[in-house]
Amino acid sequence: MAMMHTNLVNHYERVFAFQQYHRWSIAEIEDMLPWEFEVMTSLLENYIQKVELDRKQAALNRAAL
């Protein structure tokens, strides 16, 4: 039961992230095939990591000035 709960929470966190970063509706997200959802999740994670890395690099550059 705990595993199902964890997976459900993860699912809703990913849906929320798609809504926030891409402004997709829940219907658009739920209409994805499972493999599409996994691919888009991976791409979103990569994008968020890149944005965070760019933000950290910009902060370091400002601090160095």
PDB file of N, CA and C in Angstrom:
ATOM      1  N   MET A   1       0.821  -1.199   0.000  1.00  0.00           N
ATOM      2  CA  MET A   1       0.000   0.000   0.000  1.00  0.00           C
ATOM      3  C   MET A   1       0.860   1.257   0.000  1.00  0.00           C
ATOM      4  N   ALA A   2       1.938   1.259   0.768  1.00  0.00           N
ATOM      5  CA  ALA A   2       2.800   2.439   0.825  1.00  0.00           C
ATOM      6  C   ALA A   2       3.417   2.724  -0.532  1.00  0.00           C
ATOM      7  N   MET A   3       3.780   1.678  -1.263  1.00  0.00           N
ATOM      8  CA  MET A   3       4.375   1.864  -2.581  1.00  0.00           C
ATOM      9  C   MET A   3       3.381   2.524  -3.532  1.00  0.00           C
ATOM     10  N   MET A   4       2.123   2.103  -3.496  1.00  0.00           N
ATOM     11  CA  MET A   4       1.106   2.702  -4.346  1.00  0.00           C
ATOM     12  C   MET A   4       0.935   4.181  -4.014  1.00  0.00           C
ATOM     13  N   HIS A   5       0.933   4.501  -2.733  1.00  0.00           N
ATOM     14  CA  HIS A   5       0.796   5.888  -2.297  1.00  0.00           C
ATOM     15  C   HIS A   5       1.963   6.732  -2.823  1.00  0.00           C
ATOM     16  N   THR A   6       3.176   6.198  -2.718  1.00  0.00           N
ATOM     17  CA  THR A   6       4.359   6.925  -3.189  1.00  0.00           C
ATOM     18  C   THR A   6       4.270   7.161  -4.691  1.00  0.00           C
ATOM     19  N   ASN A   7       3.873   6.146  -5.448  1.00  0.00           N
ATOM     20  CA  ASN A   7       3.753   6.303  -6.891  1.00  0.00           C
ATOM     21  C   ASN A   7       2.675   7.310  -7.259  1.00  0.00           C
ATOM     22  N   LEU A   8       1.592   7.314  -6.522  1.00  0.00           N
ATOM     23  CA  LEU A   8       0.513   8.254  -6.787  1.00  0.00           C
ATOM     24  C   LEU A   8       0.969   9.689  -6.506  1.00  0.00           C
ATOM     25  N   VAL A   9       1.676   9.887  -5.412  1.00  0.00           N
ATOM     26  CA  VAL A   9       2.212  11.214  -5.086  1.00  0.00           C
ATOM     27  C   VAL A   9       3.182  11.663  -6.173  1.00  0.00           C
ATOM     28  N   ASN A  10       4.073  10.774  -6.594  1.00  0.00           N
ATOM     29  CA  ASN A  10       5.024  11.114  -7.657  1.00  0.00           C
ATOM     30  C   ASN A  10       4.302  11.485  -8.943  1.00  0.00           C
ATOM     31  N   HIS A  11       3.252  10.749  -9.254  1.00  0.00           N
ATOM     32  CA  HIS A  11       2.478  11.036 -10.464  1.00  0.00           C
ATOM     33  C   HIS A  11       1.898  12.452 -10.413  1.00  0.00           C
ATOM     34  N   TYR A  12       1.277  12.795  -9.299  1.00  0.00           N
ATOM     35  CA  TYR A  12       0.673  14.123  -9.189  1.00  0.00           C
ATOM     36  C   TYR A  12       1.718  15.229  -9.134  1.00  0.00           C
ATOM     37  N   GLU A  13       2.877  14.948  -8.580  1.00  0.00           N
ATOM     38  CA  GLU A  13       3.957  15.940  -8.597  1.00  0.00           C
ATOM     39  C   GLU A  13       4.407  16.205 -10.028  1.00  0.00           C
ATOM     40  N   ARG A  14       4.505  15.145 -10.827  1.00  0.00           N
ATOM     41  CA  ARG A  14       4.902  15.327 -12.231  1.00  0.00           C
ATOM     42  C   ARG A  14       3.827  16.069 -13.018  1.00  0.00           C
ATOM     43  N   VAL A  15       2.566  15.728 -12.793  1.00  0.00           N
ATOM     44  CA  VAL A  15       1.472  16.435 -13.471  1.00  0.00           C
ATOM     45  C   VAL A  15       1.519  17.919 -13.108  1.00  0.00           C
ATOM     46  N   PHE A  16       1.727  18.209 -11.828  1.00  0.00           N
ATOM     47  CA  PHE A  16       1.816  19.592 -11.379  1.00  0.00           C
ATOM     48  C   PHE A  16       2.979  20.312 -12.066  1.00  0.00           C
ATOM     49  N   ALA A  17       4.118  19.636 -12.179  1.00  0.00           N
ATOM     50  CA  ALA A  17       5.285  20.238 -12.836  1.00  0.00           C
ATOM     51  C   ALA A  17       4.983  20.559 -14.296  1.00  0.00           C
ATOM     52  N   PHE A  18       4.302  19.660 -15.005  1.00  0.00           N
ATOM     53  CA  PHE A  18       3.937  19.940 -16.391  1.00  0.00           C
ATOM     54  C   PHE A  18       2.998  21.138 -16.476  1.00  0.00           C
ATOM     55  N   GLN A  19       2.095  21.250 -15.535  1.00  0.00           N
ATOM     56  CA  GLN A  19       1.194  22.396 -15.536  1.00  0.00           C
ATOM     57  C   GLN A  19       1.973  23.684 -15.293  1.00  0.00           C
ATOM     58  N   GLN A  20       2.933  23.669 -14.390  1.00  0.00           N
ATOM     59  CA  GLN A  20       3.673  24.868 -14.039  1.00  0.00           C
ATOM     60  C   GLN A  20       4.673  25.276 -15.115  1.00  0.00           C
ATOM     61  N   TYR A  21       5.427  24.326 -15.638  1.00  0.00           N
ATOM     62  CA  TYR A  21       6.493  24.661 -16.574  1.00  0.00           C
ATOM     63  C   TYR A  21       6.029  24.770 -18.021  1.00  0.00           C
ATOM     64  N   HIS A  22       4.984  24.052 -18.380  1.00  0.00           N
ATOM     65  CA  HIS A  22       4.538  24.049 -19.771  1.00  0.00           C
ATOM     66  C   HIS A  22       3.130  24.589 -19.964  1.00  0.00           C
ATOM     67  N   ARG A  23       2.436  24.866 -18.861  1.00  0.00           N
ATOM     68  CA  ARG A  23       1.062  25.371 -18.911  1.00  0.00           C
ATOM     69  C   ARG A  23       0.129  24.410 -19.647  1.00  0.00           C
ATOM     70  N   TRP A  24       0.403  23.094 -19.526  1.00  0.00           N
ATOM     71  CA  TRP A  24      -0.471  22.095 -20.123  1.00  0.00           C
ATOM     72  C   TRP A  24      -1.654  21.851 -19.203  1.00  0.00           C
ATOM     73  N   SER A  25      -2.777  21.530 -19.793  1.00  0.00           N
ATOM     74  CA  SER A  25      -3.955  21.191 -18.990  1.00  0.00           C
ATOM     75  C   SER A  25      -3.844  19.749 -18.501  1.00  0.00           C
ATOM     76  N   ILE A  26      -4.611  19.435 -17.479  1.00  0.00           N
ATOM     77  CA  ILE A  26      -4.609  18.064 -16.969  1.00  0.00           C
ATOM     78  C   ILE A  26      -5.089  17.106 -18.056  1.00  0.00           C
ATOM     79  N   ALA A  27      -6.053  17.522 -18.846  1.00  0.00           N
ATOM     80  CA  ALA A  27      -6.562  16.663 -19.921  1.00  0.00           C
ATOM     81  C   ALA A  27      -5.456  16.338 -20.924  1.00  0.00           C
ATOM     82  N   GLU A  28      -4.646  17.339 -21.300  1.00  0.00           N
ATOM     83  CA  GLU A  28      -3.542  17.086 -22.230  1.00  0.00           C
ATOM     84  C   GLU A  28      -2.544  16.094 -21.642  1.00  0.00           C
ATOM     85  N   ILE A  29      -2.260  16.241 -20.373  1.00  0.00           N
ATOM     86  CA  ILE A  29      -1.295  15.363 -19.716  1.00  0.00           C
ATOM     87  C   ILE A  29      -1.847  13.950 -19.606  1.00  0.00           C
ATOM     88  N   GLU A  30      -3.094  13.825 -19.200  1.00  0.00           N
ATOM     89  CA  GLU A  30      -3.692  12.503 -19.032  1.00  0.00           C
ATOM     90  C   GLU A  30      -3.933  11.797 -20.361  1.00  0.00           C
ATOM     91  N   ASP A  31      -3.997  12.540 -21.466  1.00  0.00           N
ATOM     92  CA  ASP A  31      -4.175  11.925 -22.780  1.00  0.00           C
ATOM     93  C   ASP A  31      -2.883  11.343 -23.344  1.00  0.00           C
ATOM     94  N   MET A  32      -1.751  11.615 -22.690  1.00  0.00           N
ATOM     95  CA  MET A  32      -0.482  11.057 -23.154  1.00  0.00           C
ATOM     96  C   MET A  32      -0.456   9.550 -22.943  1.00  0.00           C
ATOM     97  N   LEU A  33       0.230   8.870 -23.839  1.00  0.00           N
ATOM     98  CA  LEU A  33       0.488   7.454 -23.626  1.00  0.00           C
ATOM     99  C   LEU A  33       1.511   7.333 -22.499  1.00  0.00           C
ATOM    100  N   PRO A  34       1.519   6.210 -21.791  1.00  0.00           N
ATOM    101  CA  PRO A  34       2.468   6.082 -20.676  1.00  0.00           C
ATOM    102  C   PRO A  34       3.921   6.345 -21.065  1.00  0.00           C
ATOM    103  N   TRP A  35       4.362   5.854 -22.235  1.00  0.00           N
ATOM    104  CA  TRP A  35       5.747   6.090 -22.631  1.00  0.00           C
ATOM    105  C   TRP A  35       5.983   7.560 -22.968  1.00  0.00           C
ATOM    106  N   GLU A  36       4.969   8.234 -23.511  1.00  0.00           N
ATOM    107  CA  GLU A  36       5.109   9.666 -23.781  1.00  0.00           C
ATOM    108  C   GLU A  36       5.274  10.442 -22.475  1.00  0.00           C
ATOM    109  N   PHE A  37       4.506  10.054 -21.477  1.00  0.00           N
ATOM    110  CA  PHE A  37       4.584  10.713 -20.176  1.00  0.00           C
ATOM    111  C   PHE A  37       5.976  10.537 -19.581  1.00  0.00           C
ATOM    112  N   GLU A  38       6.556   9.345 -19.715  1.00  0.00           N
ATOM    113  CA  GLU A  38       7.899   9.089 -19.192  1.00  0.00           C
ATOM    114  C   GLU A  38       8.949   9.903 -19.950  1.00  0.00           C
ATOM    115  N   VAL A  39       8.833   9.951 -21.271  1.00  0.00           N
ATOM    116  CA  VAL A  39       9.782  10.728 -22.078  1.00  0.00           C
ATOM    117  C   VAL A  39       9.686  12.211 -21.727  1.00  0.00           C
ATOM    118  N   MET A  40       8.470  12.734 -21.658  1.00  0.00           N
ATOM    119  CA  MET A  40       8.300  14.149 -21.334  1.00  0.00           C
ATOM    120  C   MET A  40       8.776  14.453 -19.919  1.00  0.00           C
ATOM    121  N   THR A  41       8.585  13.516 -18.994  1.00  0.00           N
ATOM    122  CA  THR A  41       9.085  13.696 -17.632  1.00  0.00           C
ATOM    123  C   THR A  41      10.599  13.805 -17.642  1.00  0.00           C
ATOM    124  N   SER A  42      11.255  12.936 -18.393  1.00  0.00           N
ATOM    125  CA  SER A  42      12.710  12.965 -18.489  1.00  0.00           C
ATOM    126  C   SER A  42      13.191  14.289 -19.091  1.00  0.00           C
ATOM    127  N   LEU A  43      12.533  14.736 -20.142  1.00  0.00           N
ATOM    128  CA  LEU A  43      12.901  16.010 -20.763  1.00  0.00           C
ATOM    129  C   LEU A  43      12.678  17.174 -19.804  1.00  0.00           C
ATOM    130  N   LEU A  44      11.587  17.136 -19.052  1.00  0.00           N
ATOM    131  CA  LEU A  44      11.318  18.194 -18.083  1.00  0.00           C
ATOM    132  C   LEU A  44      12.383  18.212 -16.989  1.00  0.00           C
ATOM    133  N   GLU A  45      12.760  17.037 -16.487  1.00  0.00           N
ATOM    134  CA  GLU A  45      13.797  16.961 -15.463  1.00  0.00           C
ATOM    135  C   GLU A  45      15.115  17.536 -15.984  1.00  0.00           C
ATOM    136  N   ASN A  46      15.474  17.198 -17.219  1.00  0.00           N
ATOM    137  CA  ASN A  46      16.690  17.748 -17.823  1.00  0.00           C
ATOM    138  C   ASN A  46      16.623  19.265 -17.933  1.00  0.00           C
ATOM    139  N   TYR A  47      15.471  19.772 -18.346  1.00  0.00           N
ATOM    140  CA  TYR A  47      15.281  21.213 -18.478  1.00  0.00           C
ATOM    141  C   TYR A  47      15.424  21.920 -17.127  1.00  0.00           C
ATOM    142  N   ILE A  48      14.795  21.366 -16.100  1.00  0.00           N
ATOM    143  CA  ILE A  48      14.867  21.979 -14.774  1.00  0.00           C
ATOM    144  C   ILE A  48      16.308  21.970 -14.259  1.00  0.00           C
ATOM    145  N   GLN A  49      17.022  20.869 -14.488  1.00  0.00           N
ATOM    146  CA  GLN A  49      18.420  20.800 -14.062  1.00  0.00           C
ATOM    147  C   GLN A  49      19.259  21.839 -14.799  1.00  0.00           C
ATOM    148  N   LYS A  50      19.017  22.026 -16.090  1.00  0.00           N
ATOM    149  CA  LYS A  50      19.775  23.015 -16.866  1.00  0.00           C
ATOM    150  C   LYS A  50      19.484  24.424 -16.368  1.00  0.00           C
ATOM    151  N   VAL A  51      18.224  24.726 -16.126  1.00  0.00           N
ATOM    152  CA  VAL A  51      17.850  26.050 -15.623  1.00  0.00           C
ATOM    153  C   VAL A  51      18.527  26.307 -14.283  1.00  0.00           C
ATOM    154  N   GLU A  52      18.516  25.318 -13.406  1.00  0.00           N
ATOM    155  CA  GLU A  52      19.144  25.467 -12.093  1.00  0.00           C
ATOM    156  C   GLU A  52      20.651  25.648 -12.215  1.00  0.00           C
ATOM    157  N   LEU A  53      21.284  24.894 -13.105  1.00  0.00           N
ATOM    158  CA  LEU A  53      22.726  25.039 -13.332  1.00  0.00           C
ATOM    159  C   LEU A  53      23.043  26.429 -13.885  1.00  0.00           C
ATOM    160  N   ASP A  54      22.245  26.903 -14.838  1.00  0.00           N
ATOM    161  CA  ASP A  54      22.442  28.248 -15.387  1.00  0.00           C
ATOM    162  C   ASP A  54      22.265  29.314 -14.308  1.00  0.00           C
ATOM    163  N   ARG A  55      21.294  29.129 -13.428  1.00  0.00           N
ATOM    164  CA  ARG A  55      21.034  30.075 -12.347  1.00  0.00           C
ATOM    165  C   ARG A  55      22.227  30.117 -11.377  1.00  0.00           C
ATOM    166  N   LYS A  56      22.753  28.949 -11.042  1.00  0.00           N
ATOM    167  CA  LYS A  56      23.912  28.886 -10.151  1.00  0.00           C
ATOM    168  C   LYS A  56      25.136  29.524 -10.790  1.00  0.00           C
ATOM    169  N   GLN A  57      25.332  29.257 -12.091  1.00  0.00           N
ATOM    170  CA  GLN A  57      26.475  29.836 -12.794  1.00  0.00           C
ATOM    171  C   GLN A  57      26.362  31.355 -12.863  1.00  0.00           C
ATOM    172  N   ALA A  58      25.168  31.866 -13.097  1.00  0.00           N
ATOM    173  CA  ALA A  58      24.964  33.320 -13.134  1.00  0.00           C
ATOM    174  C   ALA A  58      25.249  33.932 -11.756  1.00  0.00           C
ATOM    175  N   ALA A  59      24.839  33.243 -10.691  1.00  0.00           N
ATOM    176  CA  ALA A  59      25.092  33.741  -9.345  1.00  0.00           C
ATOM    177  C   ALA A  59      26.594  33.765  -9.057  1.00  0.00           C
ATOM    178  N   LEU A  60      27.308  32.742  -9.491  1.00  0.00           N
ATOM    179  CA  LEU A  60      28.761  32.700  -9.305  1.00  0.00           C
ATOM    180  C   LEU A  60      29.438  33.824 -10.094  1.00  0.00           C
ATOM    181  N   ASN A  61      28.956  34.065 -11.299  1.00  0.00           N
ATOM    182  CA  ASN A  61      29.534  35.140 -12.125  1.00  0.00           C
ATOM    183  C   ASN A  61      29.295  36.510 -11.484  1.00  0.00           C
ATOM    184  N   ARG A  62      28.113  36.709 -10.913  1.00  0.00           N
ATOM    185  CA  ARG A  62      27.829  37.986 -10.230  1.00  0.00           C
ATOM    186  C   ARG A  62      28.708  38.144  -9.002  1.00  0.00           C
ATOM    187  N   ALA A  63      28.913  37.063  -8.284  1.00  0.00           N
ATOM    188  CA  ALA A  63      29.726  37.098  -7.068  1.00  0.00           C
ATOM    189  C   ALA A  63      31.192  37.364  -7.390  1.00  0.00           C
ATOM    190  N   ALA A  64      31.642  36.913  -8.568  1.00  0.00           N
ATOM    191  CA  ALA A  64      33.047  37.084  -8.959  1.00  0.00           C
ATOM    192  C   ALA A  64      33.335  38.523  -9.383  1.00  0.00           C
ATOM    193  N   LEU A  65      32.308  39.268  -9.723  1.00  0.00           N
ATOM    194  CA  LEU A  65      32.518  40.661 -10.189  1.00  0.00           C
ATOM    195  C   LEU A  65      32.792  41.575  -9.069  1.00  0.00           C
TER     196      LEU A  65
END
